[in-house]
Amino acid sequence: MTSAPIVVEVPGSRSDAINIMVRNGLTGLPVIRASDGKLMGVVSRRDVFRKFDEDQLSLIMKKGCITVTPDTPIEEAAEIFSRMRIHRLPVVDNGNLVGIVTPTDLLRLVKEMKTDLLAEDVIRTTCVTAYEEEPLTYTVPAMRISDVPAVPVLDAHGKLTGILTDRDLFSDQVKNTDDLKALGIADVGNMAGARNVLPLFYTATDKYMSDDRKVKDFMVKDPISVFKKTNISEVARIMLANDFGQIPVHGNKDELVGMVYDVDVLCALSGNKNE
């Protein structure tokens, strides 16, 4: 776990959470009560933008979040990540927040494991895809409705030609300080941190949406993918080396088989594959 995690307090505002995330390059935070430090919930960039018209942090954050203790077995934490598909687990000791653990922390263990599990063994979700010629006005709402941060992109023949992540959508915005200020970001000079928070700006405004912007204009071409028979320890290594939260899986003829996410790979620790 990461000890003494960075937190945001309630009462507080949306801007408080956004600014702490930007300053520290984070995508989510534990939320504590200012009066006594009690853990009240967690807030992520997605929570912020799902309720973008709400300013009070207490109405944005996820309450009653799942927690673990310093003595929780790694296998149990991995199972929680895999089953609940969440990306942060506050660590509590005697009611006090003492740390936080994320899938990335556990991927480091998977990378060093000897396991027979393959990429195809841990695909758990229906893969949402995009067509390279389709307009972003369609793709972005589809990503939001499906609650996916990335989609493999196919050509007219169904061949994998790219991948589109929420970060890719905003490569043209990260230098626009007016957009950052509109989000309530005070540290407009921290572009690296802003990239962690800014992506879901599309869910709050259609200012940049136009019919002439197509998926192929924003996608990463010829993306890194893994063969369906790739051992998941290698999948974990690739994810860690490239800071990927997901990676496309291809078959014998380079056809898209599906997408594997970081929380899927953690089943190497929990042993509950394809459940």
C-alpha atoms as a PDB file:
ATOM      1  CA  MET A   1       0.000   0.000   0.000  1.00  0.00           C
ATOM      2  CA  THR A   2       0.910   3.664  -0.240  1.00  0.00           C
ATOM      3  CA  SER A   3       1.126   4.941   3.320  1.00  0.00           C
ATOM      4  CA  ALA A   4      -0.287   8.308   4.437  1.00  0.00           C
ATOM      5  CA  PRO A   5      -2.246   8.838   1.206  1.00  0.00           C
ATOM      6  CA  ILE A   6      -3.138  12.239  -0.167  1.00  0.00           C
ATOM      7  CA  VAL A   7      -6.743  13.058   0.733  1.00  0.00           C
ATOM      8  CA  VAL A   8      -9.432  15.660   0.233  1.00  0.00           C
ATOM      9  CA  GLU A   9     -11.705  16.863   3.037  1.00  0.00           C
ATOM     10  CA  VAL A  10     -15.424  17.398   3.484  1.00  0.00           C
ATOM     11  CA  PRO A  11     -16.982  19.805   3.700  1.00  0.00           C
ATOM     12  CA  GLY A  12     -15.372  20.719   0.417  1.00  0.00           C
ATOM     13  CA  SER A  13     -16.055  21.400  -3.228  1.00  0.00           C
ATOM     14  CA  ARG A  14     -15.584  19.835  -6.622  1.00  0.00           C
ATOM     15  CA  SER A  15     -12.735  22.259  -7.297  1.00  0.00           C
ATOM     16  CA  ASP A  16     -10.960  21.165  -4.098  1.00  0.00           C
ATOM     17  CA  ALA A  17     -10.878  17.567  -5.334  1.00  0.00           C
ATOM     18  CA  ILE A  18      -9.897  18.492  -8.888  1.00  0.00           C
ATOM     19  CA  ASN A  19      -7.034  20.712  -7.772  1.00  0.00           C
ATOM     20  CA  ILE A  20      -5.576  18.119  -5.398  1.00  0.00           C
ATOM     21  CA  MET A  21      -5.752  15.502  -8.154  1.00  0.00           C
ATOM     22  CA  VAL A  22      -4.046  17.820 -10.643  1.00  0.00           C
ATOM     23  CA  ARG A  23      -1.285  18.902  -8.263  1.00  0.00           C
ATOM     24  CA  ASN A  24      -0.461  15.303  -7.411  1.00  0.00           C
ATOM     25  CA  GLY A  25      -1.108  13.607 -10.750  1.00  0.00           C
ATOM     26  CA  LEU A  26      -3.903  11.435  -9.321  1.00  0.00           C
ATOM     27  CA  THR A  27      -7.211  10.215 -10.707  1.00  0.00           C
ATOM     28  CA  GLY A  28      -8.910   9.659  -7.357  1.00  0.00           C
ATOM     29  CA  LEU A  29      -8.664  10.327  -3.631  1.00  0.00           C
ATOM     30  CA  PRO A  30      -9.954   9.142  -0.266  1.00  0.00           C
ATOM     31  CA  VAL A  31     -12.340  11.656   1.305  1.00  0.00           C
ATOM     32  CA  ILE A  32     -12.083  12.346   5.037  1.00  0.00           C
ATOM     33  CA  ARG A  33     -14.129  14.453   7.427  1.00  0.00           C
ATOM     34  CA  ALA A  34     -12.283  17.639   8.348  1.00  0.00           C
ATOM     35  CA  SER A  35     -13.422  17.583  11.972  1.00  0.00           C
ATOM     36  CA  ASP A  36     -11.975  14.201  12.955  1.00  0.00           C
ATOM     37  CA  GLY A  37     -10.235  12.666   9.953  1.00  0.00           C
ATOM     38  CA  LYS A  38     -12.787   9.862   9.598  1.00  0.00           C
ATOM     39  CA  LEU A  39     -12.916   8.200   6.174  1.00  0.00           C
ATOM     40  CA  MET A  40     -16.146   9.246   4.468  1.00  0.00           C
ATOM     41  CA  GLY A  41     -15.695   7.821   0.978  1.00  0.00           C
ATOM     42  CA  VAL A  42     -13.651   8.086  -2.194  1.00  0.00           C
ATOM     43  CA  VAL A  43     -13.867  10.415  -5.170  1.00  0.00           C
ATOM     44  CA  SER A  44     -12.522   9.859  -8.671  1.00  0.00           C
ATOM     45  CA  ARG A  45     -12.374  12.005 -11.776  1.00  0.00           C
ATOM     46  CA  ARG A  46     -15.294   9.973 -13.129  1.00  0.00           C
ATOM     47  CA  ASP A  47     -17.394  10.745 -10.070  1.00  0.00           C
ATOM     48  CA  VAL A  48     -16.693  14.436 -10.574  1.00  0.00           C
ATOM     49  CA  PHE A  49     -17.820  14.436 -14.170  1.00  0.00           C
ATOM     50  CA  ARG A  50     -20.790  12.145 -13.709  1.00  0.00           C
ATOM     51  CA  LYS A  51     -22.179  14.915 -11.502  1.00  0.00           C
ATOM     52  CA  PHE A  52     -20.531  17.891 -13.116  1.00  0.00           C
ATOM     53  CA  ASP A  53     -23.372  20.245 -12.214  1.00  0.00           C
ATOM     54  CA  GLU A  54     -22.907  19.425  -8.523  1.00  0.00           C
ATOM     55  CA  ASP A  55     -20.372  21.451  -6.547  1.00  0.00           C
ATOM     56  CA  GLN A  56     -20.562  19.888  -3.070  1.00  0.00           C
ATOM     57  CA  LEU A  57     -18.009  17.136  -2.680  1.00  0.00           C
ATOM     58  CA  SER A  58     -20.246  15.235  -0.249  1.00  0.00           C
ATOM     59  CA  LEU A  59     -22.814  14.817  -3.035  1.00  0.00           C
ATOM     60  CA  ILE A  60     -20.224  13.755  -5.631  1.00  0.00           C
ATOM     61  CA  MET A  61     -18.115  11.197  -3.766  1.00  0.00           C
ATOM     62  CA  LYS A  62     -18.878   7.495  -3.374  1.00  0.00           C
ATOM     63  CA  LYS A  63     -20.028   6.852   0.171  1.00  0.00           C
ATOM     64  CA  GLY A  64     -19.721   3.596   2.050  1.00  0.00           C
ATOM     65  CA  CYS A  65     -16.640   2.568   0.096  1.00  0.00           C
ATOM     66  CA  ILE A  66     -15.061  -0.836   0.507  1.00  0.00           C
ATOM     67  CA  THR A  67     -11.980  -0.816   2.725  1.00  0.00           C
ATOM     68  CA  VAL A  68      -9.266  -3.237   3.761  1.00  0.00           C
ATOM     69  CA  THR A  69      -6.865  -3.374   6.699  1.00  0.00           C
ATOM     70  CA  PRO A  70      -3.066  -3.605   6.726  1.00  0.00           C
ATOM     71  CA  ASP A  71      -3.480  -7.315   7.523  1.00  0.00           C
ATOM     72  CA  THR A  72      -5.850  -8.085   4.644  1.00  0.00           C
ATOM     73  CA  PRO A  73      -4.363 -10.858   2.482  1.00  0.00           C
ATOM     74  CA  ILE A  74      -3.251  -9.767  -0.977  1.00  0.00           C
ATOM     75  CA  GLU A  75      -5.508 -12.447  -2.468  1.00  0.00           C
ATOM     76  CA  GLU A  76      -8.554 -10.850  -0.865  1.00  0.00           C
ATOM     77  CA  ALA A  77      -7.654  -7.368  -2.102  1.00  0.00           C
ATOM     78  CA  ALA A  78      -7.105  -8.742  -5.611  1.00  0.00           C
ATOM     79  CA  GLU A  79     -10.486 -10.475  -5.504  1.00  0.00           C
ATOM     80  CA  ILE A  80     -12.191  -7.225  -4.485  1.00  0.00           C
ATOM     81  CA  PHE A  81     -10.567  -5.343  -7.361  1.00  0.00           C
ATOM     82  CA  SER A  82     -11.505  -8.068  -9.846  1.00  0.00           C
ATOM     83  CA  ARG A  83     -15.089  -8.538  -8.651  1.00  0.00           C
ATOM     84  CA  MET A  84     -16.012  -4.919  -8.007  1.00  0.00           C
ATOM     85  CA  ARG A  85     -13.884  -3.471 -10.845  1.00  0.00           C
ATOM     86  CA  ILE A  86     -12.768  -0.568  -8.672  1.00  0.00           C
ATOM     87  CA  HIS A  87      -9.375   1.128  -8.742  1.00  0.00           C
ATOM     88  CA  ARG A  88      -8.625   2.194  -5.211  1.00  0.00           C
ATOM     89  CA  LEU A  89      -8.979   0.515  -1.837  1.00  0.00           C
ATOM     90  CA  PRO A  90      -8.522   2.664   1.285  1.00  0.00           C
ATOM     91  CA  VAL A  91      -6.584   0.878   4.030  1.00  0.00           C
ATOM     92  CA  VAL A  92      -8.032   1.461   7.490  1.00  0.00           C
ATOM     93  CA  ASP A  93      -6.569   0.528  10.877  1.00  0.00           C
ATOM     94  CA  ASN A  94      -8.717   0.974  13.990  1.00  0.00           C
ATOM     95  CA  GLY A  95     -10.938   3.370  12.080  1.00  0.00           C
ATOM     96  CA  ASN A  96      -8.052   5.504  10.855  1.00  0.00           C
ATOM     97  CA  LEU A  97      -7.035   5.843   7.215  1.00  0.00           C
ATOM     98  CA  VAL A  98      -3.431   4.625   6.991  1.00  0.00           C
ATOM     99  CA  GLY A  99      -2.957   3.910   3.310  1.00  0.00           C
ATOM    100  CA  ILE A 100      -4.374   3.130  -0.096  1.00  0.00           C
ATOM    101  CA  VAL A 101      -3.776   0.294  -2.532  1.00  0.00           C
ATOM    102  CA  THR A 102      -4.451   0.279  -6.282  1.00  0.00           C
ATOM    103  CA  PRO A 103      -4.400  -2.351  -9.044  1.00  0.00           C
ATOM    104  CA  THR A 104      -1.035  -1.005 -10.194  1.00  0.00           C
ATOM    105  CA  ASP A 105       0.450  -1.906  -6.815  1.00  0.00           C
ATOM    106  CA  LEU A 106      -0.672  -5.519  -7.255  1.00  0.00           C
ATOM    107  CA  LEU A 107       0.304  -5.753 -10.935  1.00  0.00           C
ATOM    108  CA  ARG A 108       3.907  -5.598  -9.753  1.00  0.00           C
ATOM    109  CA  LEU A 109       3.339  -8.903  -7.983  1.00  0.00           C
ATOM    110  CA  VAL A 110       1.677 -10.492 -11.020  1.00  0.00           C
ATOM    111  CA  LYS A 111       4.608  -9.447 -13.190  1.00  0.00           C
ATOM    112  CA  GLU A 112       6.939 -11.583 -11.080  1.00  0.00           C
ATOM    113  CA  MET A 113       4.604 -14.574 -10.789  1.00  0.00           C
ATOM    114  CA  LYS A 114       4.902 -17.972 -12.418  1.00  0.00           C
ATOM    115  CA  THR A 115       1.387 -18.741 -13.641  1.00  0.00           C
ATOM    116  CA  ASP A 116      -0.305 -20.764 -16.350  1.00  0.00           C
ATOM    117  CA  LEU A 117      -2.986 -18.128 -16.913  1.00  0.00           C
ATOM    118  CA  LEU A 118      -3.137 -16.620 -20.388  1.00  0.00           C
ATOM    119  CA  ALA A 119      -4.643 -13.396 -21.682  1.00  0.00           C
ATOM    120  CA  GLU A 120      -7.633 -15.256 -23.132  1.00  0.00           C
ATOM    121  CA  ASP A 121      -8.336 -16.807 -19.714  1.00  0.00           C
ATOM    122  CA  VAL A 122      -8.992 -13.492 -18.015  1.00  0.00           C
ATOM    123  CA  ILE A 123     -11.147 -11.619 -20.540  1.00  0.00           C
ATOM    124  CA  ARG A 124     -14.266 -10.814 -18.536  1.00  0.00           C
ATOM    125  CA  THR A 125     -16.166  -8.013 -20.199  1.00  0.00           C
ATOM    126  CA  THR A 126     -17.894  -7.517 -23.512  1.00  0.00           C
ATOM    127  CA  CYS A 127     -15.555  -5.493 -25.673  1.00  0.00           C
ATOM    128  CA  VAL A 128     -16.944  -2.137 -26.822  1.00  0.00           C
ATOM    129  CA  THR A 129     -15.376  -1.158 -30.154  1.00  0.00           C
ATOM    130  CA  ALA A 130     -15.325   1.903 -32.397  1.00  0.00           C
ATOM    131  CA  TYR A 131     -15.152   2.268 -36.183  1.00  0.00           C
ATOM    132  CA  GLU A 132     -12.307   4.457 -37.376  1.00  0.00           C
ATOM    133  CA  GLU A 133     -14.546   6.551 -39.638  1.00  0.00           C
ATOM    134  CA  GLU A 134     -17.290   7.230 -37.099  1.00  0.00           C
ATOM    135  CA  PRO A 135     -17.674  10.740 -35.659  1.00  0.00           C
ATOM    136  CA  LEU A 136     -16.689  11.507 -32.091  1.00  0.00           C
ATOM    137  CA  THR A 137     -20.214  12.819 -31.570  1.00  0.00           C
ATOM    138  CA  TYR A 138     -21.238   9.153 -31.543  1.00  0.00           C
ATOM    139  CA  THR A 139     -18.167   7.521 -29.976  1.00  0.00           C
ATOM    140  CA  VAL A 140     -17.801   9.728 -26.918  1.00  0.00           C
ATOM    141  CA  PRO A 141     -21.392   9.250 -25.654  1.00  0.00           C
ATOM    142  CA  ALA A 142     -21.060   5.513 -26.379  1.00  0.00           C
ATOM    143  CA  MET A 143     -17.917   5.362 -24.217  1.00  0.00           C
ATOM    144  CA  ARG A 144     -19.674   7.268 -21.467  1.00  0.00           C
ATOM    145  CA  ILE A 145     -22.784   5.073 -21.546  1.00  0.00           C
ATOM    146  CA  SER A 146     -20.676   1.910 -21.595  1.00  0.00           C
ATOM    147  CA  ASP A 147     -18.461   3.342 -18.822  1.00  0.00           C
ATOM    148  CA  VAL A 148     -15.225   2.385 -20.567  1.00  0.00           C
ATOM    149  CA  PRO A 149     -12.057   4.512 -20.625  1.00  0.00           C
ATOM    150  CA  ALA A 150     -10.808   3.063 -23.908  1.00  0.00           C
ATOM    151  CA  VAL A 151     -12.079   1.344 -27.058  1.00  0.00           C
ATOM    152  CA  PRO A 152     -10.252  -0.689 -29.705  1.00  0.00           C
ATOM    153  CA  VAL A 153     -10.746   0.849 -33.148  1.00  0.00           C
ATOM    154  CA  LEU A 154     -11.548  -1.305 -36.195  1.00  0.00           C
ATOM    155  CA  ASP A 155     -11.463  -0.605 -39.919  1.00  0.00           C
ATOM    156  CA  ALA A 156     -14.162  -1.533 -42.431  1.00  0.00           C
ATOM    157  CA  HIS A 157     -12.835  -5.106 -42.513  1.00  0.00           C
ATOM    158  CA  GLY A 158     -12.905  -5.551 -38.744  1.00  0.00           C
ATOM    159  CA  LYS A 159      -9.124  -5.290 -38.395  1.00  0.00           C
ATOM    160  CA  LEU A 160      -7.662  -3.626 -35.323  1.00  0.00           C
ATOM    161  CA  THR A 161      -6.118  -0.362 -36.490  1.00  0.00           C
ATOM    162  CA  GLY A 162      -5.994   1.722 -33.326  1.00  0.00           C
ATOM    163  CA  ILE A 163      -7.104   2.371 -29.792  1.00  0.00           C
ATOM    164  CA  LEU A 164      -8.912   5.420 -28.475  1.00  0.00           C
ATOM    165  CA  THR A 165      -8.598   6.333 -24.800  1.00  0.00           C
ATOM    166  CA  ASP A 166     -10.205   9.198 -22.961  1.00  0.00           C
ATOM    167  CA  ARG A 167      -6.760  10.818 -22.716  1.00  0.00           C
ATOM    168  CA  ASP A 168      -6.298  10.715 -26.485  1.00  0.00           C
ATOM    169  CA  LEU A 169      -9.499  12.692 -26.953  1.00  0.00           C
ATOM    170  CA  PHE A 170      -8.039  15.665 -25.184  1.00  0.00           C
ATOM    171  CA  SER A 171      -4.578  15.950 -26.678  1.00  0.00           C
ATOM    172  CA  ASP A 172      -5.719  19.175 -28.306  1.00  0.00           C
ATOM    173  CA  GLN A 173      -7.005  20.690 -25.079  1.00  0.00           C
ATOM    174  CA  VAL A 174      -4.236  20.283 -22.534  1.00  0.00           C
ATOM    175  CA  LYS A 175      -2.629  23.569 -23.527  1.00  0.00           C
ATOM    176  CA  ASN A 176      -5.842  25.551 -23.265  1.00  0.00           C
ATOM    177  CA  THR A 177      -5.672  27.268 -19.897  1.00  0.00           C
ATOM    178  CA  ASP A 178      -9.166  28.689 -20.276  1.00  0.00           C
ATOM    179  CA  ASP A 179     -10.546  25.151 -20.291  1.00  0.00           C
ATOM    180  CA  LEU A 180      -8.564  24.293 -17.194  1.00  0.00           C
ATOM    181  CA  LYS A 181      -9.819  27.368 -15.377  1.00  0.00           C
ATOM    182  CA  ALA A 182     -13.386  26.536 -16.414  1.00  0.00           C
ATOM    183  CA  LEU A 183     -12.972  23.234 -14.591  1.00  0.00           C
ATOM    184  CA  GLY A 184     -11.861  25.060 -11.471  1.00  0.00           C
ATOM    185  CA  ILE A 185      -8.194  24.121 -11.874  1.00  0.00           C
ATOM    186  CA  ALA A 186      -5.991  26.707 -10.221  1.00  0.00           C
ATOM    187  CA  ASP A 187      -2.598  25.193 -11.120  1.00  0.00           C
ATOM    188  CA  VAL A 188      -2.964  25.658 -14.882  1.00  0.00           C
ATOM    189  CA  GLY A 189       0.779  25.205 -15.342  1.00  0.00           C
ATOM    190  CA  ASN A 190       0.629  21.550 -14.311  1.00  0.00           C
ATOM    191  CA  MET A 191      -0.295  20.038 -17.660  1.00  0.00           C
ATOM    192  CA  ALA A 192       0.888  16.553 -16.710  1.00  0.00           C
ATOM    193  CA  GLY A 193      -1.458  16.470 -13.745  1.00  0.00           C
ATOM    194  CA  ALA A 194      -4.255  18.004 -15.777  1.00  0.00           C
ATOM    195  CA  ARG A 195      -4.098  15.123 -18.248  1.00  0.00           C
ATOM    196  CA  ASN A 196      -5.245  12.807 -15.468  1.00  0.00           C
ATOM    197  CA  VAL A 197      -8.310  14.910 -14.741  1.00  0.00           C
ATOM    198  CA  LEU A 198      -9.137  16.750 -17.962  1.00  0.00           C
ATOM    199  CA  PRO A 199     -10.181  13.827 -20.195  1.00  0.00           C
ATOM    200  CA  LEU A 200     -13.768  13.578 -19.053  1.00  0.00           C
ATOM    201  CA  PHE A 201     -14.317  17.221 -19.924  1.00  0.00           C
ATOM    202  CA  TYR A 202     -16.269  15.919 -22.901  1.00  0.00           C
ATOM    203  CA  THR A 203     -18.921  14.546 -20.571  1.00  0.00           C
ATOM    204  CA  ALA A 204     -19.576  18.011 -19.229  1.00  0.00           C
ATOM    205  CA  THR A 205     -19.623  20.024 -22.422  1.00  0.00           C
ATOM    206  CA  ASP A 206     -20.074  19.544 -26.138  1.00  0.00           C
ATOM    207  CA  LYS A 207     -18.022  22.632 -26.876  1.00  0.00           C
ATOM    208  CA  TYR A 208     -15.451  20.637 -28.834  1.00  0.00           C
ATOM    209  CA  MET A 209     -17.838  18.181 -30.439  1.00  0.00           C
ATOM    210  CA  SER A 210     -18.405  18.525 -34.153  1.00  0.00           C
ATOM    211  CA  ASP A 211     -19.406  16.092 -36.877  1.00  0.00           C
ATOM    212  CA  ASP A 212     -16.134  16.490 -38.757  1.00  0.00           C
ATOM    213  CA  ARG A 213     -14.013  15.072 -35.909  1.00  0.00           C
ATOM    214  CA  LYS A 214     -13.545  11.362 -36.440  1.00  0.00           C
ATOM    215  CA  VAL A 215     -12.143   8.562 -34.345  1.00  0.00           C
ATOM    216  CA  LYS A 216      -9.205   8.047 -36.723  1.00  0.00           C
ATOM    217  CA  ASP A 217      -8.070  11.626 -36.071  1.00  0.00           C
ATOM    218  CA  PHE A 218      -7.542  10.980 -32.347  1.00  0.00           C
ATOM    219  CA  MET A 219      -6.784   7.275 -31.994  1.00  0.00           C
ATOM    220  CA  VAL A 220      -3.334   5.803 -31.372  1.00  0.00           C
ATOM    221  CA  LYS A 221      -2.524   3.909 -34.558  1.00  0.00           C
ATOM    222  CA  ASP A 222      -1.124   0.368 -34.557  1.00  0.00           C
ATOM    223  CA  PRO A 223      -1.520   0.022 -30.781  1.00  0.00           C
ATOM    224  CA  ILE A 224       0.381  -2.411 -28.619  1.00  0.00           C
ATOM    225  CA  SER A 225      -1.680  -5.570 -28.211  1.00  0.00           C
ATOM    226  CA  VAL A 226      -1.071  -9.038 -26.817  1.00  0.00           C
ATOM    227  CA  PHE A 227      -1.664 -12.461 -28.328  1.00  0.00           C
ATOM    228  CA  LYS A 228      -4.442 -14.447 -26.670  1.00  0.00           C
ATOM    229  CA  LYS A 229      -1.852 -17.032 -25.536  1.00  0.00           C
ATOM    230  CA  THR A 230       0.357 -14.427 -23.833  1.00  0.00           C
ATOM    231  CA  ASN A 231       1.033 -15.286 -20.199  1.00  0.00           C
ATOM    232  CA  ILE A 232      -0.584 -12.734 -17.935  1.00  0.00           C
ATOM    233  CA  SER A 233       2.657 -12.087 -16.080  1.00  0.00           C
ATOM    234  CA  GLU A 234       3.866 -10.656 -19.396  1.00  0.00           C
ATOM    235  CA  VAL A 235       0.589  -8.757 -19.789  1.00  0.00           C
ATOM    236  CA  ALA A 236       1.210  -7.201 -16.364  1.00  0.00           C
ATOM    237  CA  ARG A 237       4.749  -6.260 -17.390  1.00  0.00           C
ATOM    238  CA  ILE A 238       3.514  -4.520 -20.545  1.00  0.00           C
ATOM    239  CA  MET A 239       0.832  -2.649 -18.633  1.00  0.00           C
ATOM    240  CA  LEU A 240       3.313  -1.421 -16.031  1.00  0.00           C
ATOM    241  CA  ALA A 241       5.977  -0.470 -18.592  1.00  0.00           C
ATOM    242  CA  ASN A 242       3.514   1.592 -20.638  1.00  0.00           C
ATOM    243  CA  ASP A 243       1.183   2.856 -17.911  1.00  0.00           C
ATOM    244  CA  PHE A 244      -1.741   1.014 -19.522  1.00  0.00           C
ATOM    245  CA  GLY A 245      -4.951   0.257 -17.702  1.00  0.00           C
ATOM    246  CA  GLN A 246      -6.112  -1.979 -20.537  1.00  0.00           C
ATOM    247  CA  ILE A 247      -4.710  -3.712 -23.608  1.00  0.00           C
ATOM    248  CA  PRO A 248      -6.334  -5.276 -26.706  1.00  0.00           C
ATOM    249  CA  VAL A 249      -6.040  -9.039 -27.186  1.00  0.00           C
ATOM    250  CA  HIS A 250      -5.677 -10.540 -30.680  1.00  0.00           C
ATOM    251  CA  GLY A 251      -5.995 -14.052 -32.061  1.00  0.00           C
ATOM    252  CA  ASN A 252      -4.083 -16.201 -34.555  1.00  0.00           C
ATOM    253  CA  LYS A 253      -4.985 -13.998 -37.526  1.00  0.00           C
ATOM    254  CA  ASP A 254      -4.518 -10.698 -35.684  1.00  0.00           C
ATOM    255  CA  GLU A 255      -8.279 -10.485 -35.237  1.00  0.00           C
ATOM    256  CA  LEU A 256      -9.507  -8.677 -32.132  1.00  0.00           C
ATOM    257  CA  VAL A 257     -10.512 -11.147 -29.415  1.00  0.00           C
ATOM    258  CA  GLY A 258     -11.292  -8.681 -26.636  1.00  0.00           C
ATOM    259  CA  MET A 259      -9.836  -6.289 -24.115  1.00  0.00           C
ATOM    260  CA  VAL A 260      -8.052  -7.144 -20.872  1.00  0.00           C
ATOM    261  CA  TYR A 261      -8.072  -4.632 -18.023  1.00  0.00           C
ATOM    262  CA  ASP A 262      -5.687  -4.301 -15.101  1.00  0.00           C
ATOM    263  CA  VAL A 263      -8.332  -5.565 -12.659  1.00  0.00           C
ATOM    264  CA  ASP A 264      -8.793  -8.672 -14.829  1.00  0.00           C
ATOM    265  CA  VAL A 265      -5.107  -9.546 -14.626  1.00  0.00           C
ATOM    266  CA  LEU A 266      -5.300  -9.521 -10.824  1.00  0.00           C
ATOM    267  CA  CYS A 267      -7.189 -12.802 -10.883  1.00  0.00           C
ATOM    268  CA  ALA A 268      -3.719 -14.374 -11.007  1.00  0.00           C
ATOM    269  CA  LEU A 269      -3.569 -13.457  -7.330  1.00  0.00           C
ATOM    270  CA  SER A 270      -7.149 -14.296  -6.390  1.00  0.00           C
ATOM    271  CA  GLY A 271      -7.612 -17.358  -8.599  1.00  0.00           C
ATOM    272  CA  ASN A 272     -11.168 -16.494  -9.706  1.00  0.00           C
ATOM    273  CA  LYS A 273     -10.686 -16.373 -13.465  1.00  0.00           C
ATOM    274  CA  ASN A 274     -13.644 -15.662 -15.754  1.00  0.00           C
ATOM    275  CA  GLU A 275     -16.119 -15.346 -12.875  1.00  0.00           C
END
